[in-house]
PDB file of N, CA and C in Angstrom:
ATOM      1  N   MET A   1     190.952 276.992  84.284  1.00  0.00           N
ATOM      2  CA  MET A   1     190.959 277.886  83.145  1.00  0.00           C
ATOM      3  C   MET A   1     191.625 277.179  81.973  1.00  0.00           C
ATOM      4  N   GLN A   2     190.961 277.189  80.839  1.00  0.00           N
ATOM      5  CA  GLN A   2     191.484 276.511  79.661  1.00  0.00           C
ATOM      6  C   GLN A   2     192.128 277.535  78.730  1.00  0.00           C
ATOM      7  N   LEU A   3     193.320 277.213  78.244  1.00  0.00           N
ATOM      8  CA  LEU A   3     194.016 278.096  77.324  1.00  0.00           C
ATOM      9  C   LEU A   3     193.437 277.946  75.925  1.00  0.00           C
ATOM     10  N   ALA A   4     193.457 279.039  75.178  1.00  0.00           N
ATOM     11  CA  ALA A   4     192.963 278.999  73.796  1.00  0.00           C
ATOM     12  C   ALA A   4     193.963 278.265  72.917  1.00  0.00           C
ATOM     13  N   SER A   5     193.457 277.515  71.978  1.00  0.00           N
ATOM     14  CA  SER A   5     194.335 276.815  71.042  1.00  0.00           C
ATOM     15  C   SER A   5     194.777 277.779  69.946  1.00  0.00           C
ATOM     16  N   ASN A   6     195.768 277.377  69.154  1.00  0.00           N
ATOM     17  CA  ASN A   6     196.228 278.209  68.047  1.00  0.00           C
ATOM     18  C   ASN A   6     195.103 278.501  67.069  1.00  0.00           C
ATOM     19  N   ALA A   7     194.254 277.522  66.819  1.00  0.00           N
ATOM     20  CA  ALA A   7     193.134 277.718  65.893  1.00  0.00           C
ATOM     21  C   ALA A   7     192.177 278.782  66.424  1.00  0.00           C
ATOM     22  N   ASP A   8     191.935 278.778  67.751  1.00  0.00           N
ATOM     23  CA  ASP A   8     191.059 279.786  68.346  1.00  0.00           C
ATOM     24  C   ASP A   8     191.657 281.179  68.196  1.00  0.00           C
ATOM     25  N   VAL A   9     192.951 281.287  68.449  1.00  0.00           N
ATOM     26  CA  VAL A   9     193.622 282.584  68.348  1.00  0.00           C
ATOM     27  C   VAL A   9     193.609 283.066  66.905  1.00  0.00           C
ATOM     28  N   GLU A  10     193.897 282.179  65.955  1.00  0.00           N
ATOM     29  CA  GLU A  10     193.904 282.569  64.548  1.00  0.00           C
ATOM     30  C   GLU A  10     192.525 283.017  64.088  1.00  0.00           C
ATOM     31  N   SER A  11     191.475 282.410  64.620  1.00  0.00           N
ATOM     32  CA  SER A  11     190.130 282.821  64.214  1.00  0.00           C
ATOM     33  C   SER A  11     189.777 284.200  64.765  1.00  0.00           C
ATOM     34  N   MET A  12     190.421 284.626  65.852  1.00  0.00           N
ATOM     35  CA  MET A  12     190.162 285.938  66.436  1.00  0.00           C
ATOM     36  C   MET A  12     191.090 287.009  65.868  1.00  0.00           C
ATOM     37  N   THR A  13     192.146 286.611  65.175  1.00  0.00           N
ATOM     38  CA  THR A  13     193.137 287.536  64.659  1.00  0.00           C
ATOM     39  C   THR A  13     192.740 288.016  63.270  1.00  0.00           C
ATOM     40  N   PRO A  14     192.846 289.342  63.020  1.00  0.00           N
ATOM     41  CA  PRO A  14     192.512 289.845  61.682  1.00  0.00           C
ATOM     42  C   PRO A  14     193.360 289.161  60.610  1.00  0.00           C
ATOM     43  N   PRO A  15     192.801 288.933  59.423  1.00  0.00           N
ATOM     44  CA  PRO A  15     193.525 288.226  58.363  1.00  0.00           C
ATOM     45  C   PRO A  15     194.854 288.864  57.989  1.00  0.00           C
ATOM     46  N   SER A  16     194.942 290.202  58.022  1.00  0.00           N
ATOM     47  CA  SER A  16     196.192 290.857  57.642  1.00  0.00           C
ATOM     48  C   SER A  16     197.323 290.508  58.597  1.00  0.00           C
ATOM     49  N   VAL A  17     197.003 290.331  59.870  1.00  0.00           N
ATOM     50  CA  VAL A  17     198.025 289.975  60.848  1.00  0.00           C
ATOM     51  C   VAL A  17     198.464 288.533  60.643  1.00  0.00           C
ATOM     52  N   VAL A  18     197.510 287.658  60.413  1.00  0.00           N
ATOM     53  CA  VAL A  18     197.840 286.248  60.185  1.00  0.00           C
ATOM     54  C   VAL A  18     198.701 286.111  58.938  1.00  0.00           C
ATOM     55  N   GLU A  19     198.340 286.837  57.877  1.00  0.00           N
ATOM     56  CA  GLU A  19     199.092 286.773  56.625  1.00  0.00           C
ATOM     57  C   GLU A  19     200.512 287.286  56.815  1.00  0.00           C
ATOM     58  N   ALA A  20     200.669 288.389  57.545  1.00  0.00           N
ATOM     59  CA  ALA A  20     201.992 288.962  57.746  1.00  0.00           C
ATOM     60  C   ALA A  20     202.871 288.061  58.594  1.00  0.00           C
ATOM     61  N   CYS A  21     202.277 287.321  59.513  1.00  0.00           N
ATOM     62  CA  CYS A  21     203.042 286.479  60.423  1.00  0.00           C
ATOM     63  C   CYS A  21     203.170 285.038  59.938  1.00  0.00           C
ATOM     64  N   ALA A  22     202.589 284.712  58.813  1.00  0.00           N
ATOM     65  CA  ALA A  22     202.579 283.328  58.338  1.00  0.00           C
ATOM     66  C   ALA A  22     203.972 282.791  58.060  1.00  0.00           C
ATOM     67  N   ASP A  23     204.874 283.663  57.639  1.00  0.00           N
ATOM     68  CA  ASP A  23     206.217 283.191  57.321  1.00  0.00           C
ATOM     69  C   ASP A  23     207.173 283.308  58.512  1.00  0.00           C
ATOM     70  N   ASN A  24     206.638 283.563  59.695  1.00  0.00           N
ATOM     71  CA  ASN A  24     207.408 283.637  60.941  1.00  0.00           C
ATOM     72  C   ASN A  24     208.503 284.694  60.920  1.00  0.00           C
ATOM     73  N   THR A  25     208.307 285.789  60.206  1.00  0.00           N
ATOM     74  CA  THR A  25     209.252 286.891  60.253  1.00  0.00           C
ATOM     75  C   THR A  25     208.838 287.827  61.380  1.00  0.00           C
ATOM     76  N   SER A  26     209.639 288.850  61.607  1.00  0.00           N
ATOM     77  CA  SER A  26     209.332 289.764  62.704  1.00  0.00           C
ATOM     78  C   SER A  26     208.496 290.958  62.239  1.00  0.00           C
ATOM     79  N   ILE A  27     207.855 290.857  61.101  1.00  0.00           N
ATOM     80  CA  ILE A  27     207.007 291.947  60.625  1.00  0.00           C
ATOM     81  C   ILE A  27     205.711 291.935  61.420  1.00  0.00           C
ATOM     82  N   ARG A  28     205.387 293.097  61.955  1.00  0.00           N
ATOM     83  CA  ARG A  28     204.173 293.216  62.751  1.00  0.00           C
ATOM     84  C   ARG A  28     203.290 294.295  62.146  1.00  0.00           C
ATOM     85  N   ILE A  29     202.017 294.208  62.413  1.00  0.00           N
ATOM     86  CA  ILE A  29     201.063 295.206  61.940  1.00  0.00           C
ATOM     87  C   ILE A  29     200.923 296.276  63.024  1.00  0.00           C
ATOM     88  N   ARG A  30     201.059 297.534  62.628  1.00  0.00           N
ATOM     89  CA  ARG A  30     200.929 298.669  63.533  1.00  0.00           C
ATOM     90  C   ARG A  30     199.925 299.652  62.934  1.00  0.00           C
ATOM     91  N   THR A  31     199.446 300.564  63.751  1.00  0.00           N
ATOM     92  CA  THR A  31     198.483 301.564  63.302  1.00  0.00           C
ATOM     93  C   THR A  31     199.126 302.937  63.341  1.00  0.00           C
ATOM     94  N   CYS A  32     199.022 303.673  62.245  1.00  0.00           N
ATOM     95  CA  CYS A  32     199.546 305.035  62.175  1.00  0.00           C
ATOM     96  C   CYS A  32     198.689 305.929  63.072  1.00  0.00           C
ATOM     97  N   VAL A  33     199.343 306.745  63.914  1.00  0.00           N
ATOM     98  CA  VAL A  33     198.594 307.613  64.824  1.00  0.00           C
ATOM     99  C   VAL A  33     197.873 308.733  64.082  1.00  0.00           C
ATOM    100  N   ALA A  34     198.310 309.048  62.877  1.00  0.00           N
ATOM    101  CA  ALA A  34     197.686 310.126  62.109  1.00  0.00           C
ATOM    102  C   ALA A  34     196.539 309.624  61.246  1.00  0.00           C
ATOM    103  N   THR A  35     196.824 308.637  60.418  1.00  0.00           N
ATOM    104  CA  THR A  35     195.838 308.178  59.435  1.00  0.00           C
ATOM    105  C   THR A  35     194.948 307.055  59.947  1.00  0.00           C
ATOM    106  N   LYS A  36     195.353 306.413  61.031  1.00  0.00           N
ATOM    107  CA  LYS A  36     194.651 305.260  61.611  1.00  0.00           C
ATOM    108  C   LYS A  36     194.663 304.044  60.686  1.00  0.00           C
ATOM    109  N   LYS A  37     195.526 304.054  59.668  1.00  0.00           N
ATOM    110  CA  LYS A  37     195.645 302.906  58.771  1.00  0.00           C
ATOM    111  C   LYS A  37     196.575 301.881  59.390  1.00  0.00           C
ATOM    112  N   ARG A  38     196.222 300.618  59.223  1.00  0.00           N
ATOM    113  CA  ARG A  38     197.046 299.518  59.722  1.00  0.00           C
ATOM    114  C   ARG A  38     197.996 299.087  58.617  1.00  0.00           C
ATOM    115  N   MET A  39     199.289 299.050  58.954  1.00  0.00           N
ATOM    116  CA  MET A  39     200.311 298.688  57.973  1.00  0.00           C
ATOM    117  C   MET A  39     201.396 297.863  58.646  1.00  0.00           C
ATOM    118  N   LYS A  40     202.226 297.250  57.828  1.00  0.00           N
ATOM    119  CA  LYS A  40     203.379 296.535  58.363  1.00  0.00           C
ATOM    120  C   LYS A  40     204.313 297.551  59.006  1.00  0.00           C
ATOM    121  N   ASP A  41     204.963 297.146  60.091  1.00  0.00           N
ATOM    122  CA  ASP A  41     205.814 298.080  60.822  1.00  0.00           C
ATOM    123  C   ASP A  41     206.961 298.630  59.981  1.00  0.00           C
ATOM    124  N   ILE A  42     207.399 297.893  58.976  1.00  0.00           N
ATOM    125  CA  ILE A  42     208.504 298.376  58.146  1.00  0.00           C
ATOM    126  C   ILE A  42     208.094 299.558  57.270  1.00  0.00           C
ATOM    127  N   ALA A  43     206.803 299.801  57.119  1.00  0.00           N
ATOM    128  CA  ALA A  43     206.316 300.922  56.314  1.00  0.00           C
ATOM    129  C   ALA A  43     206.088 302.173  57.154  1.00  0.00           C
ATOM    130  N   LEU A  44     206.254 302.074  58.471  1.00  0.00           N
ATOM    131  CA  LEU A  44     205.979 303.188  59.372  1.00  0.00           C
ATOM    132  C   LEU A  44     207.242 303.642  60.089  1.00  0.00           C
ATOM    133  N   LEU A  45     207.217 304.866  60.589  1.00  0.00           N
ATOM    134  CA  LEU A  45     208.311 305.419  61.384  1.00  0.00           C
ATOM    135  C   LEU A  45     207.906 305.380  62.851  1.00  0.00           C
ATOM    136  N   ARG A  46     208.756 304.809  63.683  1.00  0.00           N
ATOM    137  CA  ARG A  46     208.491 304.800  65.124  1.00  0.00           C
ATOM    138  C   ARG A  46     209.024 306.099  65.708  1.00  0.00           C
ATOM    139  N   VAL A  47     208.260 306.705  66.599  1.00  0.00           N
ATOM    140  CA  VAL A  47     208.690 307.908  67.305  1.00  0.00           C
ATOM    141  C   VAL A  47     208.544 307.670  68.802  1.00  0.00           C
ATOM    142  N   VAL A  48     209.427 308.304  69.579  1.00  0.00           N
ATOM    143  CA  VAL A  48     209.405 308.169  71.034  1.00  0.00           C
ATOM    144  C   VAL A  48     209.621 309.535  71.668  1.00  0.00           C
ATOM    145  N   GLU A  49     209.283 309.633  72.943  1.00  0.00           N
ATOM    146  CA  GLU A  49     209.552 310.859  73.688  1.00  0.00           C
ATOM    147  C   GLU A  49     211.007 310.856  74.131  1.00  0.00           C
ATOM    148  N   HIS A  50     211.654 312.015  74.056  1.00  0.00           N
ATOM    149  CA  HIS A  50     213.046 312.157  74.491  1.00  0.00           C
ATOM    150  C   HIS A  50     213.136 311.791  75.968  1.00  0.00           C
ATOM    151  N   PRO A  51     214.112 310.949  76.350  1.00  0.00           N
ATOM    152  CA  PRO A  51     214.180 310.503  77.745  1.00  0.00           C
ATOM    153  C   PRO A  51     214.497 311.615  78.746  1.00  0.00           C
ATOM    154  N   ASP A  52     215.185 312.673  78.299  1.00  0.00           N
ATOM    155  CA  ASP A  52     215.587 313.734  79.222  1.00  0.00           C
ATOM    156  C   ASP A  52     214.823 315.040  79.035  1.00  0.00           C
ATOM    157  N   GLU A  53     214.075 315.159  77.957  1.00  0.00           N
ATOM    158  CA  GLU A  53     213.339 316.386  77.674  1.00  0.00           C
ATOM    159  C   GLU A  53     211.861 316.064  77.466  1.00  0.00           C
ATOM    160  N   PRO A  54     211.043 316.235  78.494  1.00  0.00           N
ATOM    161  CA  PRO A  54     209.616 315.913  78.377  1.00  0.00           C
ATOM    162  C   PRO A  54     208.940 316.691  77.247  1.00  0.00           C
ATOM    163  N   GLY A  55     208.154 315.977  76.458  1.00  0.00           N
ATOM    164  CA  GLY A  55     207.410 316.604  75.378  1.00  0.00           C
ATOM    165  C   GLY A  55     208.139 316.677  74.049  1.00  0.00           C
ATOM    166  N   VAL A  56     209.432 316.372  74.035  1.00  0.00           N
ATOM    167  CA  VAL A  56     210.195 316.399  72.786  1.00  0.00           C
ATOM    168  C   VAL A  56     210.107 315.017  72.145  1.00  0.00           C
ATOM    169  N   ILE A  57     209.602 314.972  70.920  1.00  0.00           N
ATOM    170  CA  ILE A  57     209.397 313.710  70.211  1.00  0.00           C
ATOM    171  C   ILE A  57     210.556 313.490  69.243  1.00  0.00           C
ATOM    172  N   LEU A  58     211.125 312.293  69.285  1.00  0.00           N
ATOM    173  CA  LEU A  58     212.266 311.946  68.436  1.00  0.00           C
ATOM    174  C   LEU A  58     211.911 310.827  67.465  1.00  0.00           C
ATOM    175  N   PRO A  59     212.474 310.868  66.252  1.00  0.00           N
ATOM    176  CA  PRO A  59     212.295 309.736  65.340  1.00  0.00           C
ATOM    177  C   PRO A  59     213.154 308.566  65.806  1.00  0.00           C
ATOM    178  N   ASP A  60     212.668 307.368  65.625  1.00  0.00           N
ATOM    179  CA  ASP A  60     213.408 306.158  66.006  1.00  0.00           C
ATOM    180  C   ASP A  60     213.391 305.179  64.827  1.00  0.00           C
ATOM    181  N   PRO A  61     214.114 305.516  63.743  1.00  0.00           N
ATOM    182  CA  PRO A  61     214.051 304.668  62.548  1.00  0.00           C
ATOM    183  C   PRO A  61     214.599 303.261  62.754  1.00  0.00           C
ATOM    184  N   LYS A  62     215.517 303.090  63.702  1.00  0.00           N
ATOM    185  CA  LYS A  62     216.071 301.751  63.959  1.00  0.00           C
ATOM    186  C   LYS A  62     215.242 300.967  64.970  1.00  0.00           C
ATOM    187  N   ARG A  63     214.246 301.620  65.557  1.00  0.00           N
ATOM    188  CA  ARG A  63     213.330 300.986  66.524  1.00  0.00           C
ATOM    189  C   ARG A  63     214.068 300.399  67.728  1.00  0.00           C
ATOM    190  N   ARG A  64     215.039 301.134  68.234  1.00  0.00           N
ATOM    191  CA  ARG A  64     215.843 300.633  69.346  1.00  0.00           C
ATOM    192  C   ARG A  64     215.748 301.496  70.607  1.00  0.00           C
ATOM    193  N   MET A  65     215.182 302.682  70.502  1.00  0.00           N
ATOM    194  CA  MET A  65     215.137 303.580  71.654  1.00  0.00           C
ATOM    195  C   MET A  65     214.162 303.057  72.699  1.00  0.00           C
ATOM    196  N   GLN A  66     214.493 303.342  73.946  1.00  0.00           N
ATOM    197  CA  GLN A  66     213.641 302.899  75.043  1.00  0.00           C
ATOM    198  C   GLN A  66     212.406 303.777  75.135  1.00  0.00           C
ATOM    199  N   GLY A  67     211.402 303.233  75.755  1.00  0.00           N
ATOM    200  CA  GLY A  67     210.198 304.003  76.023  1.00  0.00           C
ATOM    201  C   GLY A  67     209.049 303.626  75.123  1.00  0.00           C
ATOM    202  N   ARG A  68     207.922 304.193  75.455  1.00  0.00           N
ATOM    203  CA  ARG A  68     206.698 303.942  74.707  1.00  0.00           C
ATOM    204  C   ARG A  68     206.833 304.565  73.324  1.00  0.00           C
ATOM    205  N   GLY A  69     206.462 303.838  72.316  1.00  0.00           N
ATOM    206  CA  GLY A  69     206.574 304.333  70.951  1.00  0.00           C
ATOM    207  C   GLY A  69     205.221 304.534  70.306  1.00  0.00           C
ATOM    208  N   ALA A  70     205.210 305.368  69.288  1.00  0.00           N
ATOM    209  CA  ALA A  70     204.032 305.564  68.447  1.00  0.00           C
ATOM    210  C   ALA A  70     204.495 305.392  67.008  1.00  0.00           C
ATOM    211  N   TRP A  71     203.564 305.063  66.127  1.00  0.00           N
ATOM    212  CA  TRP A  71     203.904 304.761  64.740  1.00  0.00           C
ATOM    213  C   TRP A  71     203.260 305.783  63.822  1.00  0.00           C
ATOM    214  N   LEU A  72     204.040 306.246  62.834  1.00  0.00           N
ATOM    215  CA  LEU A  72     203.601 307.317  61.954  1.00  0.00           C
ATOM    216  C   LEU A  72     203.942 306.979  60.507  1.00  0.00           C
ATOM    217  N   THR A  73     203.008 307.244  59.601  1.00  0.00           N
ATOM    218  CA  THR A  73     203.318 307.154  58.176  1.00  0.00           C
ATOM    219  C   THR A  73     204.398 308.196  57.909  1.00  0.00           C
ATOM    220  N   PRO A  74     205.518 307.818  57.301  1.00  0.00           N
ATOM    221  CA  PRO A  74     206.662 308.736  57.200  1.00  0.00           C
ATOM    222  C   PRO A  74     206.513 309.816  56.121  1.00  0.00           C
ATOM    223  N   THR A  75     205.533 310.688  56.309  1.00  0.00           N
ATOM    224  CA  THR A  75     205.341 311.829  55.414  1.00  0.00           C
ATOM    225  C   THR A  75     205.062 313.072  56.252  1.00  0.00           C
ATOM    226  N   ILE A  76     205.381 314.228  55.688  1.00  0.00           N
ATOM    227  CA  ILE A  76     205.099 315.493  56.371  1.00  0.00           C
ATOM    228  C   ILE A  76     203.589 315.665  56.551  1.00  0.00           C
ATOM    229  N   ALA A  77     202.815 315.253  55.558  1.00  0.00           N
ATOM    230  CA  ALA A  77     201.350 315.381  55.646  1.00  0.00           C
ATOM    231  C   ALA A  77     200.805 314.583  56.830  1.00  0.00           C
ATOM    232  N   ALA A  78     201.317 313.378  57.031  1.00  0.00           N
ATOM    233  CA  ALA A  78     200.867 312.562  58.164  1.00  0.00           C
ATOM    234  C   ALA A  78     201.297 313.193  59.483  1.00  0.00           C
ATOM    235  N   LEU A  79     202.494 313.759  59.516  1.00  0.00           N
ATOM    236  CA  LEU A  79     202.965 314.438  60.728  1.00  0.00           C
ATOM    237  C   LEU A  79     202.046 315.605  61.066  1.00  0.00           C
ATOM    238  N   GLU A  80     201.695 316.398  60.066  1.00  0.00           N
ATOM    239  CA  GLU A  80     200.809 317.540  60.303  1.00  0.00           C
ATOM    240  C   GLU A  80     199.427 317.096  60.767  1.00  0.00           C
ATOM    241  N   LEU A  81     198.938 316.015  60.202  1.00  0.00           N
ATOM    242  CA  LEU A  81     197.641 315.480  60.625  1.00  0.00           C
ATOM    243  C   LEU A  81     197.704 314.995  62.076  1.00  0.00           C
ATOM    244  N   ALA A  82     198.793 314.329  62.443  1.00  0.00           N
ATOM    245  CA  ALA A  82     198.961 313.856  63.821  1.00  0.00           C
ATOM    246  C   ALA A  82     199.044 315.029  64.792  1.00  0.00           C
ATOM    247  N   GLU A  83     199.730 316.101  64.383  1.00  0.00           N
ATOM    248  CA  GLU A  83     199.814 317.293  65.226  1.00  0.00           C
ATOM    249  C   GLU A  83     198.431 317.917  65.394  1.00  0.00           C
ATOM    250  N   GLN A  84     197.703 317.992  64.301  1.00  0.00           N
ATOM    251  CA  GLN A  84     196.357 318.566  64.322  1.00  0.00           C
ATOM    252  C   GLN A  84     195.437 317.787  65.265  1.00  0.00           C
ATOM    253  N   ARG A  85     195.554 316.479  65.234  1.00  0.00           N
ATOM    254  CA  ARG A  85     194.722 315.615  66.075  1.00  0.00           C
ATOM    255  C   ARG A  85     195.265 315.450  67.493  1.00  0.00           C
ATOM    256  N   ARG A  86     196.437 316.010  67.744  1.00  0.00           N
ATOM    257  CA  ARG A  86     197.118 315.850  69.041  1.00  0.00           C
ATOM    258  C   ARG A  86     197.318 314.368  69.366  1.00  0.00           C
ATOM    259  N   ALA A  87     197.657 313.619  68.343  1.00  0.00           N
ATOM    260  CA  ALA A  87     197.770 312.169  68.471  1.00  0.00           C
ATOM    261  C   ALA A  87     199.007 311.731  69.249  1.00  0.00           C
ATOM    262  N   PHE A  88     200.091 312.496  69.181  1.00  0.00           N
ATOM    263  CA  PHE A  88     201.313 312.079  69.870  1.00  0.00           C
ATOM    264  C   PHE A  88     201.143 312.115  71.382  1.00  0.00           C
ATOM    265  N   GLY A  89     200.499 313.145  71.882  1.00  0.00           N
ATOM    266  CA  GLY A  89     200.272 313.238  73.319  1.00  0.00           C
ATOM    267  C   GLY A  89     199.489 312.056  73.852  1.00  0.00           C
ATOM    268  N   ARG A  90     198.472 311.666  73.106  1.00  0.00           N
ATOM    269  CA  ARG A  90     197.651 310.522  73.507  1.00  0.00           C
ATOM    270  C   ARG A  90     198.419 309.213  73.395  1.00  0.00           C
ATOM    271  N   ALA A  91     199.057 308.996  72.256  1.00  0.00           N
ATOM    272  CA  ALA A  91     199.733 307.718  72.009  1.00  0.00           C
ATOM    273  C   ALA A  91     200.936 307.507  72.921  1.00  0.00           C
ATOM    274  N   LEU A  92     201.660 308.586  73.204  1.00  0.00           N
ATOM    275  CA  LEU A  92     202.866 308.464  74.028  1.00  0.00           C
ATOM    276  C   LEU A  92     202.600 308.770  75.497  1.00  0.00           C
ATOM    277  N   ARG A  93     201.357 309.107  75.797  1.00  0.00           N
ATOM    278  CA  ARG A  93     200.966 309.453  77.170  1.00  0.00           C
ATOM    279  C   ARG A  93     201.800 310.615  77.709  1.00  0.00           C
ATOM    280  N   VAL A  94     201.872 311.660  76.897  1.00  0.00           N
ATOM    281  CA  VAL A  94     202.604 312.871  77.251  1.00  0.00           C
ATOM    282  C   VAL A  94     201.579 313.909  77.670  1.00  0.00           C
ATOM    283  N   SER A  95     201.744 314.473  78.855  1.00  0.00           N
ATOM    284  CA  SER A  95     200.754 315.429  79.348  1.00  0.00           C
ATOM    285  C   SER A  95     201.113 316.873  79.003  1.00  0.00           C
ATOM    286  N   THR A  96     202.324 317.113  78.507  1.00  0.00           N
ATOM    287  CA  THR A  96     202.740 318.467  78.151  1.00  0.00           C
ATOM    288  C   THR A  96     202.581 318.689  76.648  1.00  0.00           C
ATOM    289  N   GLN A  97     202.796 319.924  76.227  1.00  0.00           N
ATOM    290  CA  GLN A  97     202.793 320.256  74.798  1.00  0.00           C
ATOM    291  C   GLN A  97     203.934 319.490  74.127  1.00  0.00           C
ATOM    292  N   VAL A  98     203.689 318.900  72.963  1.00  0.00           N
ATOM    293  CA  VAL A  98     204.733 318.122  72.295  1.00  0.00           C
ATOM    294  C   VAL A  98     205.456 318.958  71.246  1.00  0.00           C
ATOM    295  N   ASP A  99     206.747 318.692  71.113  1.00  0.00           N
ATOM    296  CA  ASP A  99     207.598 319.349  70.129  1.00  0.00           C
ATOM    297  C   ASP A  99     208.009 318.300  69.105  1.00  0.00           C
ATOM    298  N   THR A 100     207.527 318.433  67.882  1.00  0.00           N
ATOM    299  CA  THR A 100     207.816 317.450  66.838  1.00  0.00           C
ATOM    300  C   THR A 100     208.881 317.947  65.858  1.00  0.00           C
ATOM    301  N   GLY A 101     209.647 318.932  66.245  1.00  0.00           N
ATOM    302  CA  GLY A 101     210.660 319.511  65.360  1.00  0.00           C
ATOM    303  C   GLY A 101     211.679 318.506  64.849  1.00  0.00           C
ATOM    304  N   HIS A 102     212.138 317.614  65.712  1.00  0.00           N
ATOM    305  CA  HIS A 102     213.128 316.609  65.299  1.00  0.00           C
ATOM    306  C   HIS A 102     212.537 315.643  64.266  1.00  0.00           C
ATOM    307  N   VAL A 103     211.288 315.277  64.452  1.00  0.00           N
ATOM    308  CA  VAL A 103     210.625 314.369  63.508  1.00  0.00           C
ATOM    309  C   VAL A 103     210.429 315.080  62.172  1.00  0.00           C
ATOM    310  N   ARG A 104     210.018 316.345  62.208  1.00  0.00           N
ATOM    311  CA  ARG A 104     209.817 317.126  60.981  1.00  0.00           C
ATOM    312  C   ARG A 104     211.132 317.247  60.203  1.00  0.00           C
ATOM    313  N   THR A 105     212.225 317.537  60.898  1.00  0.00           N
ATOM    314  CA  THR A 105     213.539 317.645  60.255  1.00  0.00           C
ATOM    315  C   THR A 105     213.944 316.317  59.629  1.00  0.00           C
ATOM    316  N   TYR A 106     213.746 315.232  60.368  1.00  0.00           N
ATOM    317  CA  TYR A 106     214.087 313.898  59.859  1.00  0.00           C
ATOM    318  C   TYR A 106     213.300 313.589  58.584  1.00  0.00           C
ATOM    319  N   LEU A 107     212.001 313.847  58.603  1.00  0.00           N
ATOM    320  CA  LEU A 107     211.164 313.562  57.436  1.00  0.00           C
ATOM    321  C   LEU A 107     211.531 314.454  56.252  1.00  0.00           C
ATOM    322  N   ALA A 108     211.859 315.720  56.512  1.00  0.00           N
ATOM    323  CA  ALA A 108     212.251 316.628  55.432  1.00  0.00           C
ATOM    324  C   ALA A 108     213.541 316.148  54.772  1.00  0.00           C
ATOM    325  N   GLU A 109     214.495 315.705  55.583  1.00  0.00           N
ATOM    326  CA  GLU A 109     215.755 315.192  55.041  1.00  0.00           C
ATOM    327  C   GLU A 109     215.530 313.885  54.284  1.00  0.00           C
ATOM    328  N   LYS A 110     214.661 313.050  54.805  1.00  0.00           N
ATOM    329  CA  LYS A 110     214.391 311.750  54.191  1.00  0.00           C
ATOM    330  C   LYS A 110     213.702 311.910  52.838  1.00  0.00           C
ATOM    331  N   THR A 111     212.762 312.841  52.738  1.00  0.00           N
ATOM    332  CA  THR A 111     212.037 313.025  51.483  1.00  0.00           C
ATOM    333  C   THR A 111     212.845 313.826  50.471  1.00  0.00           C
ATOM    334  N   ALA A 112     213.811 314.621  50.944  1.00  0.00           N
ATOM    335  CA  ALA A 112     214.638 315.403  50.026  1.00  0.00           C
ATOM    336  C   ALA A 112     215.591 314.499  49.254  1.00  0.00           C
ATOM    337  N   GLY A 113     215.990 313.397  49.878  1.00  0.00           N
ATOM    338  CA  GLY A 113     216.898 312.463  49.216  1.00  0.00           C
ATOM    339  C   GLY A 113     218.333 312.947  49.287  1.00  0.00           C
ATOM    340  N   PRO A 114     219.251 312.201  48.692  1.00  0.00           N
ATOM    341  CA  PRO A 114     220.656 312.596  48.734  1.00  0.00           C
ATOM    342  C   PRO A 114     220.895 313.816  47.844  1.00  0.00           C
ATOM    343  N   PRO A 115     221.869 314.648  48.226  1.00  0.00           N
ATOM    344  CA  PRO A 115     222.156 315.833  47.411  1.00  0.00           C
ATOM    345  C   PRO A 115     222.694 315.427  46.041  1.00  0.00           C
ATOM    346  N   THR A 116     222.288 316.172  45.029  1.00  0.00           N
ATOM    347  CA  THR A 116     222.779 315.893  43.680  1.00  0.00           C
ATOM    348  C   THR A 116     223.971 316.784  43.385  1.00  0.00           C
ATOM    349  N   SER A 117     224.905 316.288  42.609  1.00  0.00           N
ATOM    350  CA  SER A 117     226.093 317.093  42.309  1.00  0.00           C
ATOM    351  C   SER A 117     226.184 317.437  40.857  1.00  0.00           C
TER     352      SER A 117
END
């Protein structure tokens, strides 16, 4: 069995991925579960299933939580679209009804910004 060369792999890789990885940073291309748009991972919010509560979805902004993750455009509209499409259950392989309350709260706080005085 012959291994593929770097040139072979680069020819099979979409240009956006090659461009993002050209400078050898850790930026990766991910797909939003709601919009299906491919973006750099720094533009998306990672979400995971709660380790002790099946079906509860948590935001993982630091990308450090264990478990299978899904990527979401960080807007309430994208969250609602993902809920409508039942995308979290599929992406996270959750067989129960999903609770996205924690993600909704996180996004609401994030879009509200800091309190003004």
